[in-house]
N, C-alpha and C. Protein backbone atom coordinates (compact mmCIF):
# COMPACT_ATOMS: atom_id res chain seq x y z
N MET A 1 -11.99 10.79 8.86
CA MET A 1 -12.80 9.87 8.09
C MET A 1 -12.01 8.57 7.88
N THR A 2 -12.66 7.43 8.10
CA THR A 2 -12.05 6.13 7.88
C THR A 2 -12.17 5.77 6.41
N ARG A 3 -11.05 5.40 5.82
CA ARG A 3 -11.03 5.02 4.41
C ARG A 3 -11.06 3.50 4.31
N ARG A 4 -11.85 2.99 3.40
CA ARG A 4 -11.99 1.53 3.25
C ARG A 4 -10.73 0.89 2.70
N VAL A 5 -9.98 1.61 1.91
CA VAL A 5 -8.74 1.06 1.35
C VAL A 5 -7.62 2.07 1.54
N THR A 6 -6.47 1.55 1.90
CA THR A 6 -5.25 2.36 2.02
C THR A 6 -4.12 1.59 1.34
N ALA A 7 -2.99 2.22 1.17
CA ALA A 7 -1.84 1.54 0.59
C ALA A 7 -1.44 0.33 1.43
N ASP A 8 -1.70 0.37 2.73
CA ASP A 8 -1.33 -0.74 3.62
C ASP A 8 -2.31 -1.91 3.58
N THR A 9 -3.56 -1.68 3.14
CA THR A 9 -4.56 -2.75 3.13
C THR A 9 -4.89 -3.26 1.72
N LEU A 10 -4.40 -2.57 0.70
CA LEU A 10 -4.72 -2.93 -0.68
C LEU A 10 -4.02 -4.21 -1.10
N GLY A 11 -4.83 -5.16 -1.56
CA GLY A 11 -4.29 -6.39 -2.13
C GLY A 11 -4.36 -6.37 -3.65
N GLY A 12 -5.31 -5.63 -4.18
CA GLY A 12 -5.45 -5.52 -5.63
C GLY A 12 -6.68 -4.70 -5.98
N TRP A 13 -6.65 -4.14 -7.15
CA TRP A 13 -7.78 -3.36 -7.65
C TRP A 13 -8.72 -4.27 -8.42
N ILE A 14 -10.00 -3.98 -8.35
CA ILE A 14 -11.00 -4.65 -9.17
C ILE A 14 -11.68 -3.58 -10.00
N LEU A 15 -11.50 -3.68 -11.30
CA LEU A 15 -12.12 -2.73 -12.22
C LEU A 15 -13.27 -3.45 -12.92
N LYS A 16 -14.41 -2.79 -12.95
CA LYS A 16 -15.62 -3.41 -13.48
C LYS A 16 -15.87 -2.99 -14.93
N CYS A 17 -16.44 -3.94 -15.66
CA CYS A 17 -16.81 -3.74 -17.06
C CYS A 17 -18.23 -4.23 -17.25
N ASN A 18 -19.09 -3.35 -17.74
CA ASN A 18 -20.46 -3.72 -18.08
C ASN A 18 -20.46 -4.09 -19.56
N PRO A 19 -20.62 -5.38 -19.89
CA PRO A 19 -20.51 -5.78 -21.30
C PRO A 19 -21.65 -5.27 -22.18
N SER A 20 -22.71 -4.75 -21.57
CA SER A 20 -23.77 -4.16 -22.40
C SER A 20 -23.39 -2.74 -22.83
N LEU A 21 -22.36 -2.16 -22.20
CA LEU A 21 -21.91 -0.81 -22.54
C LEU A 21 -20.51 -0.79 -23.16
N THR A 22 -19.80 -1.89 -23.07
CA THR A 22 -18.41 -1.96 -23.52
C THR A 22 -18.25 -3.11 -24.50
N ASP A 23 -17.46 -2.91 -25.53
CA ASP A 23 -17.19 -3.94 -26.53
C ASP A 23 -16.16 -4.92 -25.98
N LEU A 24 -16.62 -5.90 -25.20
CA LEU A 24 -15.71 -6.85 -24.59
C LEU A 24 -14.93 -7.66 -25.64
N PRO A 25 -15.57 -8.20 -26.69
CA PRO A 25 -14.78 -8.92 -27.70
C PRO A 25 -13.70 -8.03 -28.33
N GLY A 26 -14.01 -6.75 -28.52
CA GLY A 26 -13.01 -5.82 -29.06
C GLY A 26 -11.85 -5.63 -28.10
N LEU A 27 -12.15 -5.52 -26.83
CA LEU A 27 -11.09 -5.39 -25.82
C LEU A 27 -10.20 -6.63 -25.82
N MET A 28 -10.84 -7.79 -25.90
CA MET A 28 -10.08 -9.04 -25.88
C MET A 28 -9.19 -9.16 -27.12
N ALA A 29 -9.69 -8.70 -28.25
CA ALA A 29 -8.94 -8.81 -29.49
C ALA A 29 -7.82 -7.77 -29.60
N ASN A 30 -8.09 -6.56 -29.10
CA ASN A 30 -7.16 -5.45 -29.31
C ASN A 30 -6.33 -5.08 -28.10
N GLY A 31 -6.66 -5.64 -26.95
CA GLY A 31 -5.92 -5.30 -25.73
C GLY A 31 -6.47 -4.05 -25.07
N VAL A 32 -6.01 -3.84 -23.87
CA VAL A 32 -6.47 -2.72 -23.05
C VAL A 32 -5.25 -2.01 -22.48
N GLU A 33 -5.18 -0.70 -22.65
CA GLU A 33 -4.05 0.06 -22.11
C GLU A 33 -4.46 1.02 -21.01
N THR A 34 -5.74 1.42 -20.96
CA THR A 34 -6.24 2.30 -19.90
C THR A 34 -7.66 1.86 -19.54
N TRP A 35 -8.09 2.29 -18.35
CA TRP A 35 -9.46 2.01 -17.90
C TRP A 35 -10.00 3.25 -17.21
N CYS A 36 -11.27 3.57 -17.46
CA CYS A 36 -11.91 4.72 -16.82
C CYS A 36 -12.14 4.45 -15.34
N VAL A 37 -11.84 5.45 -14.53
CA VAL A 37 -12.05 5.37 -13.09
C VAL A 37 -12.57 6.71 -12.59
N GLN A 38 -13.14 6.69 -11.41
CA GLN A 38 -13.56 7.93 -10.77
C GLN A 38 -12.34 8.65 -10.21
N ASP A 39 -12.37 9.96 -10.23
CA ASP A 39 -11.30 10.78 -9.65
C ASP A 39 -11.62 10.94 -8.16
N ASN A 40 -11.02 10.08 -7.33
CA ASN A 40 -11.28 10.14 -5.89
C ASN A 40 -10.06 9.67 -5.11
N TYR A 41 -10.19 9.54 -3.81
CA TYR A 41 -9.03 9.16 -3.01
C TYR A 41 -8.49 7.79 -3.41
N ARG A 42 -9.35 6.90 -3.86
CA ARG A 42 -8.90 5.57 -4.26
C ARG A 42 -8.02 5.64 -5.50
N SER A 43 -8.48 6.36 -6.50
CA SER A 43 -7.70 6.44 -7.73
C SER A 43 -6.37 7.16 -7.51
N ALA A 44 -6.29 7.97 -6.45
CA ALA A 44 -5.02 8.61 -6.11
C ALA A 44 -4.01 7.60 -5.56
N LEU A 45 -4.46 6.40 -5.20
CA LEU A 45 -3.57 5.36 -4.67
C LEU A 45 -2.94 4.48 -5.75
N PHE A 46 -3.38 4.62 -7.01
CA PHE A 46 -2.83 3.77 -8.07
C PHE A 46 -1.32 3.97 -8.19
N ALA A 47 -0.61 2.86 -8.32
CA ALA A 47 0.84 2.91 -8.51
C ALA A 47 1.25 1.72 -9.38
N ALA A 48 2.32 1.92 -10.12
CA ALA A 48 2.84 0.87 -11.00
C ALA A 48 3.11 -0.40 -10.21
N GLY A 49 2.71 -1.53 -10.80
CA GLY A 49 2.96 -2.84 -10.22
C GLY A 49 1.84 -3.39 -9.36
N GLN A 50 0.84 -2.57 -9.03
CA GLN A 50 -0.26 -3.08 -8.22
C GLN A 50 -1.11 -4.05 -9.05
N PRO A 51 -1.55 -5.16 -8.43
CA PRO A 51 -2.39 -6.13 -9.15
C PRO A 51 -3.76 -5.54 -9.49
N VAL A 52 -4.31 -6.01 -10.61
CA VAL A 52 -5.64 -5.60 -11.02
C VAL A 52 -6.38 -6.80 -11.59
N PHE A 53 -7.68 -6.86 -11.30
CA PHE A 53 -8.57 -7.90 -11.79
C PHE A 53 -9.69 -7.20 -12.57
N LEU A 54 -10.02 -7.71 -13.75
CA LEU A 54 -11.13 -7.15 -14.53
C LEU A 54 -12.38 -7.99 -14.27
N TRP A 55 -13.39 -7.33 -13.70
CA TRP A 55 -14.64 -7.97 -13.30
C TRP A 55 -15.71 -7.62 -14.32
N ILE A 56 -16.30 -8.64 -14.93
CA ILE A 56 -17.40 -8.43 -15.86
C ILE A 56 -18.70 -8.53 -15.07
N THR A 57 -19.53 -7.52 -15.19
CA THR A 57 -20.78 -7.46 -14.44
C THR A 57 -21.90 -8.15 -15.21
N GLY A 58 -23.02 -8.34 -14.54
CA GLY A 58 -24.19 -8.88 -15.20
C GLY A 58 -25.02 -9.73 -14.26
N PRO A 59 -26.26 -10.00 -14.65
CA PRO A 59 -27.14 -10.83 -13.83
C PRO A 59 -26.74 -12.31 -13.92
N SER A 60 -27.24 -13.09 -12.99
CA SER A 60 -26.99 -14.54 -13.02
C SER A 60 -27.46 -15.10 -14.36
N GLY A 61 -26.66 -15.98 -14.92
CA GLY A 61 -27.01 -16.60 -16.20
C GLY A 61 -26.67 -15.77 -17.42
N ALA A 62 -26.08 -14.59 -17.21
CA ALA A 62 -25.76 -13.71 -18.34
C ALA A 62 -24.61 -14.28 -19.16
N THR A 63 -24.56 -13.83 -20.40
CA THR A 63 -23.43 -14.12 -21.28
C THR A 63 -22.86 -12.77 -21.71
N PRO A 64 -21.59 -12.51 -21.48
CA PRO A 64 -20.60 -13.37 -20.85
C PRO A 64 -20.88 -13.56 -19.36
N GLU A 65 -20.36 -14.64 -18.83
CA GLU A 65 -20.57 -14.98 -17.44
C GLU A 65 -19.93 -13.94 -16.52
N PRO A 66 -20.68 -13.41 -15.55
CA PRO A 66 -20.10 -12.45 -14.61
C PRO A 66 -18.97 -13.08 -13.79
N GLY A 67 -17.96 -12.27 -13.54
CA GLY A 67 -16.81 -12.72 -12.76
C GLY A 67 -15.54 -12.10 -13.27
N ILE A 68 -14.41 -12.69 -12.93
CA ILE A 68 -13.11 -12.17 -13.34
C ILE A 68 -12.74 -12.75 -14.70
N HIS A 69 -12.47 -11.84 -15.64
CA HIS A 69 -12.14 -12.24 -17.00
C HIS A 69 -10.71 -11.92 -17.39
N ALA A 70 -10.03 -11.09 -16.60
CA ALA A 70 -8.65 -10.73 -16.93
C ALA A 70 -7.92 -10.36 -15.65
N VAL A 71 -6.62 -10.50 -15.70
CA VAL A 71 -5.75 -10.11 -14.59
C VAL A 71 -4.58 -9.32 -15.16
N GLY A 72 -3.95 -8.55 -14.30
CA GLY A 72 -2.80 -7.78 -14.77
C GLY A 72 -2.26 -6.89 -13.70
N GLU A 73 -1.74 -5.76 -14.14
CA GLU A 73 -1.16 -4.82 -13.19
C GLU A 73 -1.35 -3.38 -13.64
N ILE A 74 -1.37 -2.52 -12.66
CA ILE A 74 -1.43 -1.08 -12.91
C ILE A 74 -0.05 -0.66 -13.41
N ARG A 75 -0.01 0.25 -14.38
CA ARG A 75 1.25 0.70 -14.97
C ARG A 75 1.71 2.07 -14.48
N GLY A 76 0.88 2.75 -13.70
CA GLY A 76 1.25 4.08 -13.22
C GLY A 76 0.06 4.78 -12.61
N PRO A 77 0.24 6.03 -12.22
CA PRO A 77 -0.87 6.77 -11.60
C PRO A 77 -1.97 7.10 -12.61
N ALA A 78 -3.16 7.32 -12.09
CA ALA A 78 -4.29 7.73 -12.92
C ALA A 78 -4.05 9.16 -13.42
N TYR A 79 -4.64 9.50 -14.55
CA TYR A 79 -4.45 10.83 -15.14
C TYR A 79 -5.68 11.21 -15.96
N TRP A 80 -5.77 12.48 -16.29
CA TRP A 80 -6.87 13.00 -17.09
C TRP A 80 -6.53 12.90 -18.57
N ALA A 81 -7.42 12.29 -19.36
CA ALA A 81 -7.28 12.18 -20.81
C ALA A 81 -8.68 12.19 -21.41
N ALA A 82 -9.36 13.34 -21.37
CA ALA A 82 -10.76 13.50 -21.76
C ALA A 82 -11.70 12.84 -20.75
N LYS A 83 -11.16 12.00 -19.92
CA LYS A 83 -11.81 11.39 -18.76
C LYS A 83 -10.68 10.87 -17.87
N TYR A 84 -11.00 10.52 -16.65
CA TYR A 84 -9.97 10.05 -15.73
C TYR A 84 -9.72 8.58 -16.00
N VAL A 85 -8.45 8.21 -16.26
CA VAL A 85 -8.09 6.84 -16.61
C VAL A 85 -6.86 6.40 -15.84
N VAL A 86 -6.69 5.09 -15.76
CA VAL A 86 -5.50 4.51 -15.17
C VAL A 86 -4.84 3.63 -16.23
N PRO A 87 -3.51 3.75 -16.39
CA PRO A 87 -2.82 2.87 -17.33
C PRO A 87 -2.65 1.48 -16.72
N LEU A 88 -2.84 0.46 -17.56
CA LEU A 88 -2.72 -0.90 -17.05
C LEU A 88 -2.36 -1.87 -18.16
N ALA A 89 -2.01 -3.06 -17.76
CA ALA A 89 -1.77 -4.16 -18.68
C ALA A 89 -2.63 -5.31 -18.21
N LEU A 90 -3.43 -5.86 -19.10
CA LEU A 90 -4.33 -6.97 -18.76
C LEU A 90 -4.04 -8.18 -19.64
N ARG A 91 -4.22 -9.34 -19.04
CA ARG A 91 -4.16 -10.61 -19.77
C ARG A 91 -5.51 -11.28 -19.57
N PHE A 92 -6.22 -11.47 -20.66
CA PHE A 92 -7.53 -12.13 -20.56
C PHE A 92 -7.34 -13.61 -20.32
N LEU A 93 -8.17 -14.15 -19.45
CA LEU A 93 -8.11 -15.56 -19.08
C LEU A 93 -8.72 -16.42 -20.18
N ASP A 94 -8.25 -17.65 -20.31
CA ASP A 94 -8.85 -18.58 -21.26
C ASP A 94 -10.30 -18.87 -20.89
N ALA A 95 -10.57 -18.94 -19.59
CA ALA A 95 -11.93 -19.13 -19.07
C ALA A 95 -12.09 -18.23 -17.86
N PRO A 96 -13.21 -17.53 -17.74
CA PRO A 96 -13.39 -16.62 -16.60
C PRO A 96 -13.49 -17.39 -15.28
N LEU A 97 -13.20 -16.67 -14.21
CA LEU A 97 -13.45 -17.19 -12.86
C LEU A 97 -14.85 -16.68 -12.50
N PRO A 98 -15.85 -17.56 -12.49
CA PRO A 98 -17.24 -17.12 -12.34
C PRO A 98 -17.54 -16.49 -10.98
N ARG A 99 -18.42 -15.52 -11.00
CA ARG A 99 -18.87 -14.87 -9.77
C ARG A 99 -19.43 -15.89 -8.80
N THR A 100 -20.16 -16.89 -9.31
CA THR A 100 -20.74 -17.90 -8.42
C THR A 100 -19.66 -18.66 -7.66
N GLU A 101 -18.56 -18.96 -8.31
CA GLU A 101 -17.45 -19.66 -7.65
C GLU A 101 -16.76 -18.75 -6.64
N ILE A 102 -16.60 -17.49 -6.99
CA ILE A 102 -15.98 -16.52 -6.08
C ILE A 102 -16.86 -16.33 -4.85
N ALA A 103 -18.15 -16.14 -5.06
CA ALA A 103 -19.08 -15.88 -3.96
C ALA A 103 -19.21 -17.07 -3.02
N ALA A 104 -18.91 -18.28 -3.49
CA ALA A 104 -19.02 -19.48 -2.66
C ALA A 104 -17.84 -19.63 -1.70
N GLN A 105 -16.82 -18.81 -1.85
CA GLN A 105 -15.63 -18.92 -1.00
C GLN A 105 -15.80 -18.08 0.27
N PRO A 106 -15.73 -18.70 1.45
CA PRO A 106 -15.86 -17.93 2.70
C PRO A 106 -14.84 -16.78 2.80
N ALA A 107 -13.63 -16.99 2.29
CA ALA A 107 -12.59 -15.96 2.37
C ALA A 107 -12.91 -14.74 1.50
N LEU A 108 -13.91 -14.89 0.62
CA LEU A 108 -14.27 -13.79 -0.28
C LEU A 108 -15.66 -13.22 -0.01
N SER A 109 -16.26 -13.62 1.09
CA SER A 109 -17.63 -13.19 1.40
C SER A 109 -17.75 -11.68 1.61
N THR A 110 -16.66 -11.02 1.96
CA THR A 110 -16.70 -9.57 2.18
C THR A 110 -16.14 -8.78 0.99
N LEU A 111 -15.85 -9.45 -0.11
CA LEU A 111 -15.30 -8.77 -1.28
C LEU A 111 -16.23 -7.63 -1.70
N GLU A 112 -15.69 -6.45 -1.82
CA GLU A 112 -16.50 -5.26 -2.08
C GLU A 112 -17.36 -5.38 -3.33
N VAL A 113 -16.84 -5.94 -4.39
CA VAL A 113 -17.58 -6.02 -5.64
C VAL A 113 -18.81 -6.93 -5.50
N LEU A 114 -18.78 -7.84 -4.54
CA LEU A 114 -19.95 -8.68 -4.26
C LEU A 114 -20.95 -7.95 -3.36
N ARG A 115 -20.43 -7.22 -2.39
CA ARG A 115 -21.29 -6.51 -1.44
C ARG A 115 -21.93 -5.27 -2.05
N GLN A 116 -21.19 -4.57 -2.91
CA GLN A 116 -21.67 -3.32 -3.51
C GLN A 116 -21.46 -3.36 -5.03
N PRO A 117 -22.23 -4.19 -5.72
CA PRO A 117 -21.99 -4.39 -7.15
C PRO A 117 -22.23 -3.16 -8.02
N HIS A 118 -22.97 -2.18 -7.54
CA HIS A 118 -23.27 -1.01 -8.37
C HIS A 118 -22.32 0.15 -8.11
N MET A 119 -21.32 -0.06 -7.29
CA MET A 119 -20.34 0.98 -6.98
C MET A 119 -19.48 1.26 -8.22
N SER A 120 -19.03 2.50 -8.35
CA SER A 120 -18.22 2.86 -9.52
C SER A 120 -16.78 2.39 -9.35
N ASN A 121 -16.04 2.42 -10.45
CA ASN A 121 -14.62 2.06 -10.43
C ASN A 121 -13.81 3.15 -9.74
N PRO A 122 -12.81 2.79 -8.97
CA PRO A 122 -12.30 1.44 -8.74
C PRO A 122 -12.86 0.80 -7.48
N SER A 123 -12.96 -0.51 -7.54
CA SER A 123 -13.25 -1.31 -6.36
C SER A 123 -11.92 -1.93 -5.95
N PHE A 124 -11.90 -2.67 -4.85
CA PHE A 124 -10.63 -3.21 -4.39
C PHE A 124 -10.83 -4.54 -3.69
N ALA A 125 -9.71 -5.25 -3.52
CA ALA A 125 -9.65 -6.46 -2.70
C ALA A 125 -8.59 -6.21 -1.64
N THR A 126 -8.87 -6.66 -0.42
CA THR A 126 -7.87 -6.57 0.64
C THR A 126 -6.73 -7.55 0.33
N ILE A 127 -5.68 -7.50 1.10
CA ILE A 127 -4.56 -8.42 0.90
C ILE A 127 -5.03 -9.88 1.00
N PRO A 128 -5.77 -10.26 2.07
CA PRO A 128 -6.24 -11.65 2.13
C PRO A 128 -7.20 -12.02 0.98
N GLU A 129 -8.07 -11.10 0.58
CA GLU A 129 -9.00 -11.38 -0.51
C GLU A 129 -8.26 -11.56 -1.83
N ALA A 130 -7.27 -10.71 -2.10
CA ALA A 130 -6.50 -10.84 -3.34
C ALA A 130 -5.75 -12.17 -3.35
N GLY A 131 -5.24 -12.59 -2.19
CA GLY A 131 -4.57 -13.89 -2.11
C GLY A 131 -5.54 -15.02 -2.42
N ALA A 132 -6.76 -14.93 -1.89
CA ALA A 132 -7.78 -15.96 -2.15
C ALA A 132 -8.15 -15.98 -3.63
N LEU A 133 -8.25 -14.81 -4.25
CA LEU A 133 -8.55 -14.75 -5.69
C LEU A 133 -7.42 -15.39 -6.50
N ARG A 134 -6.17 -15.09 -6.14
CA ARG A 134 -5.04 -15.68 -6.87
C ARG A 134 -5.03 -17.21 -6.73
N ARG A 135 -5.35 -17.71 -5.54
CA ARG A 135 -5.41 -19.17 -5.35
C ARG A 135 -6.51 -19.78 -6.22
N LEU A 136 -7.67 -19.16 -6.26
CA LEU A 136 -8.76 -19.66 -7.11
C LEU A 136 -8.36 -19.63 -8.59
N LEU A 137 -7.72 -18.57 -9.00
CA LEU A 137 -7.28 -18.47 -10.39
C LEU A 137 -6.26 -19.55 -10.70
N ALA A 138 -5.33 -19.81 -9.79
CA ALA A 138 -4.32 -20.86 -10.00
C ALA A 138 -4.99 -22.23 -10.08
N GLU A 139 -5.97 -22.47 -9.21
CA GLU A 139 -6.70 -23.75 -9.23
C GLU A 139 -7.47 -23.92 -10.53
N SER A 140 -8.00 -22.84 -11.06
CA SER A 140 -8.79 -22.94 -12.30
C SER A 140 -7.91 -23.27 -13.50
N LEU A 141 -6.60 -23.05 -13.38
CA LEU A 141 -5.69 -23.35 -14.48
C LEU A 141 -5.20 -24.79 -14.45
N LEU A 142 -5.49 -25.51 -13.36
CA LEU A 142 -5.02 -26.91 -13.24
C LEU A 142 -5.83 -27.84 -14.11
């Protein structure tokens, strides 16, 4: 079976948050130490130091604006704690990187979270896609 992501192709994890089901202001105020993920071959690839992007879902025009709202890194392997979770450290951005801006980039046209928005966590970015996301994030800080 061909796997869409391997340790050799992973550029970063994309973890999704549905703000209608999750207290996003609470997360922003109190921080995030773990995130729920599916127990599958992807979550078995989590390792300390891997980049992670927090993607807020929603329809066009939604508040909060869909896109990347936080960046950080995985802190270790996923584990069972009443549900399957991955330890992480996130830093919320002063302003999100909007989905519309991400989708407009040719280098990100194949980003899994855009192609399969209803897929469960974790999603991923390839090495080139993660590089393109980092460049967009750096540009948004200028």
